Amino acid sequence: MPYAEIPSDEVVVQALADLGGRATAAELCNELVRANHSRRESQLAIQRASEGGRISVGADWMLSVVAQAVAA
């Protein structure tokens, strides 16, 4: 069985930007799943993008696009 590809940080940032730049983790994950990524791989990609500083987690637990990530 081939391994699913984890969406890149750029794909995660673009999906979040498509949702208005701010969304819950579940909303972002659902957006990535709609783009034909597996739920598991989408969750890993969101975590990786957050740890890499491409998206931020607010005090209200909402995810936001980091300003420089949009320009990149």
C-alpha atoms as a PDB file:
ATOM      1  CA  MET A   1       0.000   0.000   0.000  1.00  0.00           C
ATOM      2  CA  PRO A   2       1.538   3.370  -0.957  1.00  0.00           C
ATOM      3  CA  TYR A   3       2.003   5.984   1.730  1.00  0.00           C
ATOM      4  CA  ALA A   4      -0.154   9.084   1.590  1.00  0.00           C
ATOM      5  CA  GLU A   5       1.746  12.303   1.112  1.00  0.00           C
ATOM      6  CA  ILE A   6       1.626  14.765   3.988  1.00  0.00           C
ATOM      7  CA  PRO A   7       0.419  18.141   2.667  1.00  0.00           C
ATOM      8  CA  SER A   8       3.184  20.733   2.582  1.00  0.00           C
ATOM      9  CA  ASP A   9       3.213  23.826   4.775  1.00  0.00           C
ATOM     10  CA  GLU A  10       2.317  25.847   1.686  1.00  0.00           C
ATOM     11  CA  VAL A  11      -0.783  23.716   1.097  1.00  0.00           C
ATOM     12  CA  VAL A  12      -1.841  24.136   4.743  1.00  0.00           C
ATOM     13  CA  VAL A  13      -1.285  27.905   4.662  1.00  0.00           C
ATOM     14  CA  GLN A  14      -3.216  28.213   1.385  1.00  0.00           C
ATOM     15  CA  ALA A  15      -6.118  26.141   2.749  1.00  0.00           C
ATOM     16  CA  LEU A  16      -6.252  28.333   5.850  1.00  0.00           C
ATOM     17  CA  ALA A  17      -6.085  31.481   3.704  1.00  0.00           C
ATOM     18  CA  ASP A  18      -8.957  30.093   1.604  1.00  0.00           C
ATOM     19  CA  LEU A  19     -10.974  29.835   4.824  1.00  0.00           C
ATOM     20  CA  GLY A  20     -10.414  33.527   5.498  1.00  0.00           C
ATOM     21  CA  GLY A  21      -7.081  33.212   7.309  1.00  0.00           C
ATOM     22  CA  ARG A  22      -8.654  32.069  10.574  1.00  0.00           C
ATOM     23  CA  ALA A  23     -10.354  28.767  11.417  1.00  0.00           C
ATOM     24  CA  THR A  24     -10.556  25.951  13.936  1.00  0.00           C
ATOM     25  CA  ALA A  25      -8.258  22.976  13.524  1.00  0.00           C
ATOM     26  CA  ALA A  26     -11.293  20.850  12.607  1.00  0.00           C
ATOM     27  CA  GLU A  27     -12.353  23.297   9.887  1.00  0.00           C
ATOM     28  CA  LEU A  28      -8.842  23.391   8.437  1.00  0.00           C
ATOM     29  CA  CYS A  29      -8.541  19.616   8.579  1.00  0.00           C
ATOM     30  CA  ASN A  30     -11.908  19.255   6.812  1.00  0.00           C
ATOM     31  CA  GLU A  31     -10.723  21.672   4.110  1.00  0.00           C
ATOM     32  CA  LEU A  32      -7.617  19.556   3.521  1.00  0.00           C
ATOM     33  CA  VAL A  33      -9.698  16.365   3.447  1.00  0.00           C
ATOM     34  CA  ARG A  34     -11.955  17.989   0.816  1.00  0.00           C
ATOM     35  CA  ALA A  35      -8.762  18.529  -1.204  1.00  0.00           C
ATOM     36  CA  ASN A  36      -8.237  14.724  -1.197  1.00  0.00           C
ATOM     37  CA  HIS A  37      -5.741  14.446   1.661  1.00  0.00           C
ATOM     38  CA  SER A  38      -6.307  11.828   4.350  1.00  0.00           C
ATOM     39  CA  ARG A  39      -7.504  13.074   7.740  1.00  0.00           C
ATOM     40  CA  ARG A  40      -4.462  11.617   9.505  1.00  0.00           C
ATOM     41  CA  GLU A  41      -1.986  13.206   7.106  1.00  0.00           C
ATOM     42  CA  SER A  42      -3.889  16.508   7.271  1.00  0.00           C
ATOM     43  CA  GLN A  43      -3.641  16.540  11.059  1.00  0.00           C
ATOM     44  CA  LEU A  44       0.100  15.893  10.856  1.00  0.00           C
ATOM     45  CA  ALA A  45       0.486  18.683   8.305  1.00  0.00           C
ATOM     46  CA  ILE A  46      -1.379  21.159  10.526  1.00  0.00           C
ATOM     47  CA  GLN A  47       0.816  20.228  13.474  1.00  0.00           C
ATOM     48  CA  ARG A  48       3.963  20.578  11.371  1.00  0.00           C
ATOM     49  CA  ALA A  49       2.901  23.979   9.994  1.00  0.00           C
ATOM     50  CA  SER A  50       2.155  25.187  13.512  1.00  0.00           C
ATOM     51  CA  GLU A  51       5.475  23.952  14.900  1.00  0.00           C
ATOM     52  CA  GLY A  52       7.283  25.534  11.953  1.00  0.00           C
ATOM     53  CA  GLY A  53       5.711  28.933  12.616  1.00  0.00           C
ATOM     54  CA  ARG A  54       3.684  29.077   9.379  1.00  0.00           C
ATOM     55  CA  ILE A  55       0.364  29.142  11.255  1.00  0.00           C
ATOM     56  CA  SER A  56      -0.296  30.265  14.810  1.00  0.00           C
ATOM     57  CA  VAL A  57      -2.634  29.042  17.517  1.00  0.00           C
ATOM     58  CA  GLY A  58      -4.448  31.863  19.294  1.00  0.00           C
ATOM     59  CA  ALA A  59      -5.522  32.075  22.927  1.00  0.00           C
ATOM     60  CA  ASP A  60      -9.004  31.085  21.740  1.00  0.00           C
ATOM     61  CA  TRP A  61      -7.494  27.989  20.008  1.00  0.00           C
ATOM     62  CA  MET A  62      -8.255  29.409  16.540  1.00  0.00           C
ATOM     63  CA  LEU A  63      -5.588  28.892  13.874  1.00  0.00           C
ATOM     64  CA  SER A  64      -4.365  31.916  11.940  1.00  0.00           C
ATOM     65  CA  VAL A  65      -2.019  32.447   9.037  1.00  0.00           C
ATOM     66  CA  VAL A  66       1.242  34.075  10.108  1.00  0.00           C
ATOM     67  CA  ALA A  67       1.673  37.283   8.062  1.00  0.00           C
ATOM     68  CA  GLN A  68       5.024  36.340   6.513  1.00  0.00           C
ATOM     69  CA  ALA A  69       3.668  32.899   5.542  1.00  0.00           C
ATOM     70  CA  VAL A  70       1.203  34.493   3.130  1.00  0.00           C
ATOM     71  CA  ALA A  71       3.957  36.462   1.421  1.00  0.00           C
ATOM     72  CA  ALA A  72       6.198  33.403   1.049  1.00  0.00           C
END
